[in-house]
Amino acid sequence: MSTVINCAIAYCDALTAEFRGEVNQDVVKLLRAALGKALPAKQEASLRALLEQKDEVQYGSRAKTRNDAEKALERLEEFAAWAEQQLAL
């Protein structure tokens, strides 16, 4: 799950670098600033759901389940497909 979350952050960095020439720690806020209304609410919510788990997954003591990991990967795959479309424009 740690890799999934880091991939989501990397896609955000790619998008904000492409559309705003900037990367930042608050990737959701920066992504919204870079894309405005072009960032669908569904993608923003999926991204937030992934990022909210970052500290727990990377530094916490409670293991996540396989189901948690599968859901995270599904969110990433959908977000990545959308991000790839945006970067190809």
PDB file of N, CA and C in Angstrom:
ATOM      1  N   MET A   1       0.828  -1.190   0.000  1.00  0.00           N
ATOM      2  CA  MET A   1       0.000   0.000   0.000  1.00  0.00           C
ATOM      3  C   MET A   1       0.872   1.253   0.000  1.00  0.00           C
ATOM      4  N   SER A   2       2.019   1.166   0.624  1.00  0.00           N
ATOM      5  CA  SER A   2       2.919   2.314   0.650  1.00  0.00           C
ATOM      6  C   SER A   2       3.298   2.729  -0.768  1.00  0.00           C
ATOM      7  N   THR A   3       3.600   1.764  -1.603  1.00  0.00           N
ATOM      8  CA  THR A   3       3.956   2.054  -2.993  1.00  0.00           C
ATOM      9  C   THR A   3       2.785   2.662  -3.747  1.00  0.00           C
ATOM     10  N   VAL A   4       1.583   2.171  -3.511  1.00  0.00           N
ATOM     11  CA  VAL A   4       0.380   2.710  -4.160  1.00  0.00           C
ATOM     12  C   VAL A   4       0.223   4.190  -3.811  1.00  0.00           C
ATOM     13  N   ILE A   5       0.360   4.509  -2.538  1.00  0.00           N
ATOM     14  CA  ILE A   5       0.206   5.892  -2.095  1.00  0.00           C
ATOM     15  C   ILE A   5       1.299   6.774  -2.695  1.00  0.00           C
ATOM     16  N   ASN A   6       2.528   6.289  -2.700  1.00  0.00           N
ATOM     17  CA  ASN A   6       3.617   7.067  -3.295  1.00  0.00           C
ATOM     18  C   ASN A   6       3.419   7.276  -4.794  1.00  0.00           C
ATOM     19  N   CYS A   7       2.833   6.306  -5.467  1.00  0.00           N
ATOM     20  CA  CYS A   7       2.521   6.461  -6.893  1.00  0.00           C
ATOM     21  C   CYS A   7       1.484   7.562  -7.106  1.00  0.00           C
ATOM     22  N   ALA A   8       0.476   7.601  -6.255  1.00  0.00           N
ATOM     23  CA  ALA A   8      -0.536   8.655  -6.359  1.00  0.00           C
ATOM     24  C   ALA A   8       0.109  10.026  -6.190  1.00  0.00           C
ATOM     25  N   ILE A   9       1.009  10.149  -5.239  1.00  0.00           N
ATOM     26  CA  ILE A   9       1.711  11.418  -5.028  1.00  0.00           C
ATOM     27  C   ILE A   9       2.562  11.765  -6.247  1.00  0.00           C
ATOM     28  N   ALA A  10       3.224  10.782  -6.831  1.00  0.00           N
ATOM     29  CA  ALA A  10       4.052  11.021  -8.013  1.00  0.00           C
ATOM     30  C   ALA A  10       3.207  11.518  -9.185  1.00  0.00           C
ATOM     31  N   TYR A  11       2.017  10.950  -9.374  1.00  0.00           N
ATOM     32  CA  TYR A  11       1.134  11.438 -10.433  1.00  0.00           C
ATOM     33  C   TYR A  11       0.729  12.884 -10.176  1.00  0.00           C
ATOM     34  N   CYS A  12       0.448  13.212  -8.925  1.00  0.00           N
ATOM     35  CA  CYS A  12       0.103  14.599  -8.595  1.00  0.00           C
ATOM     36  C   CYS A  12       1.259  15.532  -8.906  1.00  0.00           C
ATOM     37  N   ASP A  13       2.463  15.122  -8.531  1.00  0.00           N
ATOM     38  CA  ASP A  13       3.634  15.937  -8.830  1.00  0.00           C
ATOM     39  C   ASP A  13       3.789  16.146 -10.336  1.00  0.00           C
ATOM     40  N   ALA A  14       3.570  15.091 -11.109  1.00  0.00           N
ATOM     41  CA  ALA A  14       3.672  15.211 -12.568  1.00  0.00           C
ATOM     42  C   ALA A  14       2.634  16.183 -13.115  1.00  0.00           C
ATOM     43  N   LEU A  15       1.409  16.072 -12.624  1.00  0.00           N
ATOM     44  CA  LEU A  15       0.342  16.963 -13.094  1.00  0.00           C
ATOM     45  C   LEU A  15       0.596  18.411 -12.703  1.00  0.00           C
ATOM     46  N   THR A  16       0.946  18.647 -11.449  1.00  0.00           N
ATOM     47  CA  THR A  16       1.152  20.034 -11.014  1.00  0.00           C
ATOM     48  C   THR A  16       2.406  20.633 -11.646  1.00  0.00           C
ATOM     49  N   ALA A  17       3.433  19.821 -11.879  1.00  0.00           N
ATOM     50  CA  ALA A  17       4.621  20.312 -12.578  1.00  0.00           C
ATOM     51  C   ALA A  17       4.277  20.686 -14.016  1.00  0.00           C
ATOM     52  N   GLU A  18       3.464  19.849 -14.657  1.00  0.00           N
ATOM     53  CA  GLU A  18       3.079  20.102 -16.048  1.00  0.00           C
ATOM     54  C   GLU A  18       2.188  21.333 -16.186  1.00  0.00           C
ATOM     55  N   PHE A  19       1.188  21.465 -15.326  1.00  0.00           N
ATOM     56  CA  PHE A  19       0.191  22.509 -15.491  1.00  0.00           C
ATOM     57  C   PHE A  19       0.443  23.772 -14.668  1.00  0.00           C
ATOM     58  N   ARG A  20       1.371  23.699 -13.709  1.00  0.00           N
ATOM     59  CA  ARG A  20       1.632  24.874 -12.878  1.00  0.00           C
ATOM     60  C   ARG A  20       3.124  25.117 -12.665  1.00  0.00           C
ATOM     61  N   GLY A  21       3.962  24.177 -13.078  1.00  0.00           N
ATOM     62  CA  GLY A  21       5.394  24.331 -12.897  1.00  0.00           C
ATOM     63  C   GLY A  21       5.818  24.280 -11.435  1.00  0.00           C
ATOM     64  N   GLU A  22       5.087  23.524 -10.629  1.00  0.00           N
ATOM     65  CA  GLU A  22       5.312  23.521  -9.186  1.00  0.00           C
ATOM     66  C   GLU A  22       4.942  22.169  -8.599  1.00  0.00           C
ATOM     67  N   VAL A  23       5.665  21.755  -7.554  1.00  0.00           N
ATOM     68  CA  VAL A  23       5.283  20.594  -6.749  1.00  0.00           C
ATOM     69  C   VAL A  23       5.281  21.035  -5.295  1.00  0.00           C
ATOM     70  N   ASN A  24       4.501  20.345  -4.468  1.00  0.00           N
ATOM     71  CA  ASN A  24       4.282  20.807  -3.107  1.00  0.00           C
ATOM     72  C   ASN A  24       3.906  19.650  -2.202  1.00  0.00           C
ATOM     73  N   GLN A  25       3.986  19.874  -0.883  1.00  0.00           N
ATOM     74  CA  GLN A  25       3.578  18.865   0.092  1.00  0.00           C
ATOM     75  C   GLN A  25       2.068  18.662   0.109  1.00  0.00           C
ATOM     76  N   ASP A  26       1.295  19.719  -0.043  1.00  0.00           N
ATOM     77  CA  ASP A  26      -0.168  19.598  -0.036  1.00  0.00           C
ATOM     78  C   ASP A  26      -0.632  19.385  -1.472  1.00  0.00           C
ATOM     79  N   VAL A  27      -0.447  18.163  -1.959  1.00  0.00           N
ATOM     80  CA  VAL A  27      -0.674  17.883  -3.369  1.00  0.00           C
ATOM     81  C   VAL A  27      -2.123  18.079  -3.795  1.00  0.00           C
ATOM     82  N   VAL A  28      -3.073  17.793  -2.926  1.00  0.00           N
ATOM     83  CA  VAL A  28      -4.474  17.947  -3.313  1.00  0.00           C
ATOM     84  C   VAL A  28      -4.802  19.427  -3.536  1.00  0.00           C
ATOM     85  N   LYS A  29      -4.368  20.261  -2.619  1.00  0.00           N
ATOM     86  CA  LYS A  29      -4.610  21.707  -2.746  1.00  0.00           C
ATOM     87  C   LYS A  29      -3.912  22.263  -3.990  1.00  0.00           C
ATOM     88  N   LEU A  30      -2.671  21.867  -4.199  1.00  0.00           N
ATOM     89  CA  LEU A  30      -1.931  22.339  -5.364  1.00  0.00           C
ATOM     90  C   LEU A  30      -2.540  21.816  -6.662  1.00  0.00           C
ATOM     91  N   LEU A  31      -2.980  20.569  -6.658  1.00  0.00           N
ATOM     92  CA  LEU A  31      -3.612  19.999  -7.844  1.00  0.00           C
ATOM     93  C   LEU A  31      -4.892  20.752  -8.183  1.00  0.00           C
ATOM     94  N   ARG A  32      -5.680  21.089  -7.179  1.00  0.00           N
ATOM     95  CA  ARG A  32      -6.898  21.873  -7.398  1.00  0.00           C
ATOM     96  C   ARG A  32      -6.536  23.249  -7.958  1.00  0.00           C
ATOM     97  N   ALA A  33      -5.486  23.871  -7.412  1.00  0.00           N
ATOM     98  CA  ALA A  33      -5.061  25.178  -7.904  1.00  0.00           C
ATOM     99  C   ALA A  33      -4.566  25.093  -9.353  1.00  0.00           C
ATOM    100  N   ALA A  34      -3.889  24.002  -9.673  1.00  0.00           N
ATOM    101  CA  ALA A  34      -3.349  23.837 -11.021  1.00  0.00           C
ATOM    102  C   ALA A  34      -4.432  23.532 -12.047  1.00  0.00           C
ATOM    103  N   LEU A  35      -5.407  22.714 -11.665  1.00  0.00           N
ATOM    104  CA  LEU A  35      -6.398  22.243 -12.638  1.00  0.00           C
ATOM    105  C   LEU A  35      -7.767  22.884 -12.491  1.00  0.00           C
ATOM    106  N   GLY A  36      -8.040  23.477 -11.356  1.00  0.00           N
ATOM    107  CA  GLY A  36      -9.344  24.094 -11.146  1.00  0.00           C
ATOM    108  C   GLY A  36     -10.469  23.096 -11.337  1.00  0.00           C
ATOM    109  N   LYS A  37     -11.452  23.489 -12.128  1.00  0.00           N
ATOM    110  CA  LYS A  37     -12.621  22.637 -12.354  1.00  0.00           C
ATOM    111  C   LYS A  37     -12.309  21.408 -13.214  1.00  0.00           C
ATOM    112  N   ALA A  38     -11.129  21.376 -13.803  1.00  0.00           N
ATOM    113  CA  ALA A  38     -10.745  20.206 -14.596  1.00  0.00           C
ATOM    114  C   ALA A  38     -10.398  19.007 -13.708  1.00  0.00           C
ATOM    115  N   LEU A  39     -10.266  19.234 -12.389  1.00  0.00           N
ATOM    116  CA  LEU A  39     -10.054  18.128 -11.457  1.00  0.00           C
ATOM    117  C   LEU A  39     -11.420  17.643 -10.994  1.00  0.00           C
ATOM    118  N   PRO A  40     -11.851  16.478 -11.468  1.00  0.00           N
ATOM    119  CA  PRO A  40     -13.163  15.964 -11.070  1.00  0.00           C
ATOM    120  C   PRO A  40     -13.224  15.679  -9.566  1.00  0.00           C
ATOM    121  N   ALA A  41     -14.369  15.952  -8.976  1.00  0.00           N
ATOM    122  CA  ALA A  41     -14.562  15.718  -7.543  1.00  0.00           C
ATOM    123  C   ALA A  41     -14.275  14.263  -7.184  1.00  0.00           C
ATOM    124  N   LYS A  42     -14.646  13.333  -8.062  1.00  0.00           N
ATOM    125  CA  LYS A  42     -14.407  11.916  -7.798  1.00  0.00           C
ATOM    126  C   LYS A  42     -12.909  11.621  -7.694  1.00  0.00           C
ATOM    127  N   GLN A  43     -12.115  12.217  -8.571  1.00  0.00           N
ATOM    128  CA  GLN A  43     -10.671  12.005  -8.530  1.00  0.00           C
ATOM    129  C   GLN A  43     -10.072  12.644  -7.283  1.00  0.00           C
ATOM    130  N   GLU A  44     -10.557  13.810  -6.928  1.00  0.00           N
ATOM    131  CA  GLU A  44     -10.071  14.464  -5.718  1.00  0.00           C
ATOM    132  C   GLU A  44     -10.385  13.621  -4.481  1.00  0.00           C
ATOM    133  N   ALA A  45     -11.588  13.079  -4.421  1.00  0.00           N
ATOM    134  CA  ALA A  45     -11.982  12.248  -3.274  1.00  0.00           C
ATOM    135  C   ALA A  45     -11.150  10.968  -3.206  1.00  0.00           C
ATOM    136  N   SER A  46     -10.911  10.334  -4.345  1.00  0.00           N
ATOM    137  CA  SER A  46     -10.084   9.122  -4.363  1.00  0.00           C
ATOM    138  C   SER A  46      -8.668   9.418  -3.903  1.00  0.00           C
ATOM    139  N   LEU A  47      -8.140  10.527  -4.379  1.00  0.00           N
ATOM    140  CA  LEU A  47      -6.793  10.921  -3.987  1.00  0.00           C
ATOM    141  C   LEU A  47      -6.723  11.190  -2.486  1.00  0.00           C
ATOM    142  N   ARG A  48      -7.676  11.928  -1.967  1.00  0.00           N
ATOM    143  CA  ARG A  48      -7.704  12.208  -0.524  1.00  0.00           C
ATOM    144  C   ARG A  48      -7.794  10.909   0.285  1.00  0.00           C
ATOM    145  N   ALA A  49      -8.620   9.974  -0.175  1.00  0.00           N
ATOM    146  CA  ALA A  49      -8.766   8.696   0.531  1.00  0.00           C
ATOM    147  C   ALA A  49      -7.438   7.941   0.584  1.00  0.00           C
ATOM    148  N   LEU A  50      -6.681   7.997  -0.491  1.00  0.00           N
ATOM    149  CA  LEU A  50      -5.372   7.350  -0.505  1.00  0.00           C
ATOM    150  C   LEU A  50      -4.397   8.065   0.426  1.00  0.00           C
ATOM    151  N   LEU A  51      -4.330   9.377   0.313  1.00  0.00           N
ATOM    152  CA  LEU A  51      -3.346  10.139   1.071  1.00  0.00           C
ATOM    153  C   LEU A  51      -3.621  10.139   2.569  1.00  0.00           C
ATOM    154  N   GLU A  52      -4.882  10.034   2.950  1.00  0.00           N
ATOM    155  CA  GLU A  52      -5.229  10.002   4.367  1.00  0.00           C
ATOM    156  C   GLU A  52      -4.646   8.773   5.068  1.00  0.00           C
ATOM    157  N   GLN A  53      -4.294   7.759   4.303  1.00  0.00           N
ATOM    158  CA  GLN A  53      -3.746   6.529   4.871  1.00  0.00           C
ATOM    159  C   GLN A  53      -2.219   6.513   4.916  1.00  0.00           C
ATOM    160  N   LYS A  54      -1.596   7.532   4.346  1.00  0.00           N
ATOM    161  CA  LYS A  54      -0.141   7.525   4.180  1.00  0.00           C
ATOM    162  C   LYS A  54       0.609   7.279   5.487  1.00  0.00           C
ATOM    163  N   ASP A  55       0.402   8.092   6.490  1.00  0.00           N
ATOM    164  CA  ASP A  55       1.161   7.955   7.730  1.00  0.00           C
ATOM    165  C   ASP A  55       0.916   6.604   8.402  1.00  0.00           C
ATOM    166  N   GLU A  56      -0.338   6.195   8.443  1.00  0.00           N
ATOM    167  CA  GLU A  56      -0.661   4.921   9.078  1.00  0.00           C
ATOM    168  C   GLU A  56       0.008   3.762   8.359  1.00  0.00           C
ATOM    169  N   VAL A  57      -0.034   3.789   7.044  1.00  0.00           N
ATOM    170  CA  VAL A  57       0.536   2.699   6.251  1.00  0.00           C
ATOM    171  C   VAL A  57       2.055   2.691   6.336  1.00  0.00           C
ATOM    172  N   GLN A  58       2.665   3.861   6.252  1.00  0.00           N
ATOM    173  CA  GLN A  58       4.118   3.908   6.208  1.00  0.00           C
ATOM    174  C   GLN A  58       4.779   3.894   7.582  1.00  0.00           C
ATOM    175  N   TYR A  59       4.087   4.409   8.592  1.00  0.00           N
ATOM    176  CA  TYR A  59       4.734   4.545   9.897  1.00  0.00           C
ATOM    177  C   TYR A  59       3.957   3.906  11.041  1.00  0.00           C
ATOM    178  N   GLY A  60       2.733   3.481  10.797  1.00  0.00           N
ATOM    179  CA  GLY A  60       1.896   2.943  11.860  1.00  0.00           C
ATOM    180  C   GLY A  60       2.244   1.513  12.228  1.00  0.00           C
ATOM    181  N   SER A  61       1.634   1.083  13.306  1.00  0.00           N
ATOM    182  CA  SER A  61       1.915  -0.266  13.788  1.00  0.00           C
ATOM    183  C   SER A  61       0.820  -1.263  13.439  1.00  0.00           C
ATOM    184  N   ARG A  62      -0.313  -0.771  12.913  1.00  0.00           N
ATOM    185  CA  ARG A  62      -1.426  -1.651  12.562  1.00  0.00           C
ATOM    186  C   ARG A  62      -1.369  -1.992  11.074  1.00  0.00           C
ATOM    187  N   ALA A  63      -1.346  -3.261  10.780  1.00  0.00           N
ATOM    188  CA  ALA A  63      -1.290  -3.705   9.384  1.00  0.00           C
ATOM    189  C   ALA A  63      -2.646  -3.517   8.710  1.00  0.00           C
ATOM    190  N   LYS A  64      -2.604  -3.202   7.442  1.00  0.00           N
ATOM    191  CA  LYS A  64      -3.813  -3.117   6.636  1.00  0.00           C
ATOM    192  C   LYS A  64      -4.127  -4.500   6.075  1.00  0.00           C
ATOM    193  N   THR A  65      -5.375  -4.696   5.705  1.00  0.00           N
ATOM    194  CA  THR A  65      -5.787  -5.987   5.154  1.00  0.00           C
ATOM    195  C   THR A  65      -5.533  -6.035   3.652  1.00  0.00           C
ATOM    196  N   ARG A  66      -5.620  -7.228   3.119  1.00  0.00           N
ATOM    197  CA  ARG A  66      -5.491  -7.392   1.672  1.00  0.00           C
ATOM    198  C   ARG A  66      -6.611  -6.630   0.965  1.00  0.00           C
ATOM    199  N   ASN A  67      -7.803  -6.656   1.539  1.00  0.00           N
ATOM    200  CA  ASN A  67      -8.932  -5.932   0.969  1.00  0.00           C
ATOM    201  C   ASN A  67      -8.643  -4.433   0.932  1.00  0.00           C
ATOM    202  N   ASP A  68      -8.045  -3.888   1.999  1.00  0.00           N
ATOM    203  CA  ASP A  68      -7.664  -2.472   2.021  1.00  0.00           C
ATOM    204  C   ASP A  68      -6.695  -2.162   0.881  1.00  0.00           C
ATOM    205  N   ALA A  69      -5.724  -3.042   0.699  1.00  0.00           N
ATOM    206  CA  ALA A  69      -4.732  -2.846  -0.357  1.00  0.00           C
ATOM    207  C   ALA A  69      -5.364  -2.920  -1.740  1.00  0.00           C
ATOM    208  N   GLU A  70      -6.282  -3.840  -1.935  1.00  0.00           N
ATOM    209  CA  GLU A  70      -6.961  -3.968  -3.227  1.00  0.00           C
ATOM    210  C   GLU A  70      -7.786  -2.722  -3.536  1.00  0.00           C
ATOM    211  N   LYS A  71      -8.485  -2.191  -2.536  1.00  0.00           N
ATOM    212  CA  LYS A  71      -9.262  -0.959  -2.730  1.00  0.00           C
ATOM    213  C   LYS A  71      -8.346   0.214  -3.059  1.00  0.00           C
ATOM    214  N   ALA A  72      -7.222   0.298  -2.361  1.00  0.00           N
ATOM    215  CA  ALA A  72      -6.266   1.375  -2.620  1.00  0.00           C
ATOM    216  C   ALA A  72      -5.724   1.271  -4.044  1.00  0.00           C
ATOM    217  N   LEU A  73      -5.399   0.068  -4.476  1.00  0.00           N
ATOM    218  CA  LEU A  73      -4.887  -0.126  -5.829  1.00  0.00           C
ATOM    219  C   LEU A  73      -5.942   0.238  -6.875  1.00  0.00           C
ATOM    220  N   GLU A  74      -7.188  -0.103  -6.636  1.00  0.00           N
ATOM    221  CA  GLU A  74      -8.262   0.280  -7.562  1.00  0.00           C
ATOM    222  C   GLU A  74      -8.361   1.795  -7.671  1.00  0.00           C
ATOM    223  N   ARG A  75      -8.291   2.482  -6.532  1.00  0.00           N
ATOM    224  CA  ARG A  75      -8.333   3.955  -6.545  1.00  0.00           C
ATOM    225  C   ARG A  75      -7.162   4.512  -7.344  1.00  0.00           C
ATOM    226  N   LEU A  76      -5.973   3.954  -7.093  1.00  0.00           N
ATOM    227  CA  LEU A  76      -4.790   4.430  -7.812  1.00  0.00           C
ATOM    228  C   LEU A  76      -4.929   4.191  -9.305  1.00  0.00           C
ATOM    229  N   GLU A  77      -5.366   3.010  -9.701  1.00  0.00           N
ATOM    230  CA  GLU A  77      -5.485   2.705 -11.129  1.00  0.00           C
ATOM    231  C   GLU A  77      -6.436   3.669 -11.821  1.00  0.00           C
ATOM    232  N   GLU A  78      -7.545   3.990 -11.176  1.00  0.00           N
ATOM    233  CA  GLU A  78      -8.496   4.937 -11.766  1.00  0.00           C
ATOM    234  C   GLU A  78      -7.888   6.338 -11.828  1.00  0.00           C
ATOM    235  N   PHE A  79      -7.238   6.750 -10.739  1.00  0.00           N
ATOM    236  CA  PHE A  79      -6.610   8.065 -10.710  1.00  0.00           C
ATOM    237  C   PHE A  79      -5.491   8.146 -11.743  1.00  0.00           C
ATOM    238  N   ALA A  80      -4.675   7.108 -11.839  1.00  0.00           N
ATOM    239  CA  ALA A  80      -3.564   7.082 -12.788  1.00  0.00           C
ATOM    240  C   ALA A  80      -4.059   7.169 -14.225  1.00  0.00           C
ATOM    241  N   ALA A  81      -5.115   6.457 -14.548  1.00  0.00           N
ATOM    242  CA  ALA A  81      -5.671   6.511 -15.908  1.00  0.00           C
ATOM    243  C   ALA A  81      -6.134   7.924 -16.234  1.00  0.00           C
ATOM    244  N   TRP A  82      -6.812   8.558 -15.284  1.00  0.00           N
ATOM    245  CA  TRP A  82      -7.260   9.935 -15.485  1.00  0.00           C
ATOM    246  C   TRP A  82      -6.060  10.871 -15.646  1.00  0.00           C
ATOM    247  N   ALA A  83      -5.049  10.724 -14.768  1.00  0.00           N
ATOM    248  CA  ALA A  83      -3.863  11.579 -14.822  1.00  0.00           C
ATOM    249  C   ALA A  83      -3.124  11.407 -16.149  1.00  0.00           C
ATOM    250  N   GLU A  84      -3.001  10.175 -16.612  1.00  0.00           N
ATOM    251  CA  GLU A  84      -2.334   9.926 -17.897  1.00  0.00           C
ATOM    252  C   GLU A  84      -3.065  10.634 -19.037  1.00  0.00           C
ATOM    253  N   GLN A  85      -4.389  10.628 -19.000  1.00  0.00           N
ATOM    254  CA  GLN A  85      -5.179  11.346 -20.019  1.00  0.00           C
ATOM    255  C   GLN A  85      -4.874  12.836 -19.978  1.00  0.00           C
ATOM    256  N   GLN A  86      -4.809  13.402 -18.779  1.00  0.00           N
ATOM    257  CA  GLN A  86      -4.549  14.823 -18.642  1.00  0.00           C
ATOM    258  C   GLN A  86      -3.155  15.181 -19.141  1.00  0.00           C
ATOM    259  N   LEU A  87      -2.180  14.339 -18.838  1.00  0.00           N
ATOM    260  CA  LEU A  87      -0.806  14.601 -19.242  1.00  0.00           C
ATOM    261  C   LEU A  87      -0.618  14.452 -20.751  1.00  0.00           C
ATOM    262  N   ALA A  88      -1.485  13.694 -21.391  1.00  0.00           N
ATOM    263  CA  ALA A  88      -1.388  13.478 -22.840  1.00  0.00           C
ATOM    264  C   ALA A  88      -2.009  14.619 -23.647  1.00  0.00           C
ATOM    265  N   LEU A  89      -2.766  15.490 -22.979  1.00  0.00           N
ATOM    266  CA  LEU A  89      -3.433  16.593 -23.699  1.00  0.00           C
ATOM    267  C   LEU A  89      -2.454  17.589 -24.273  1.00  0.00           C
TER     268      LEU A  89
END
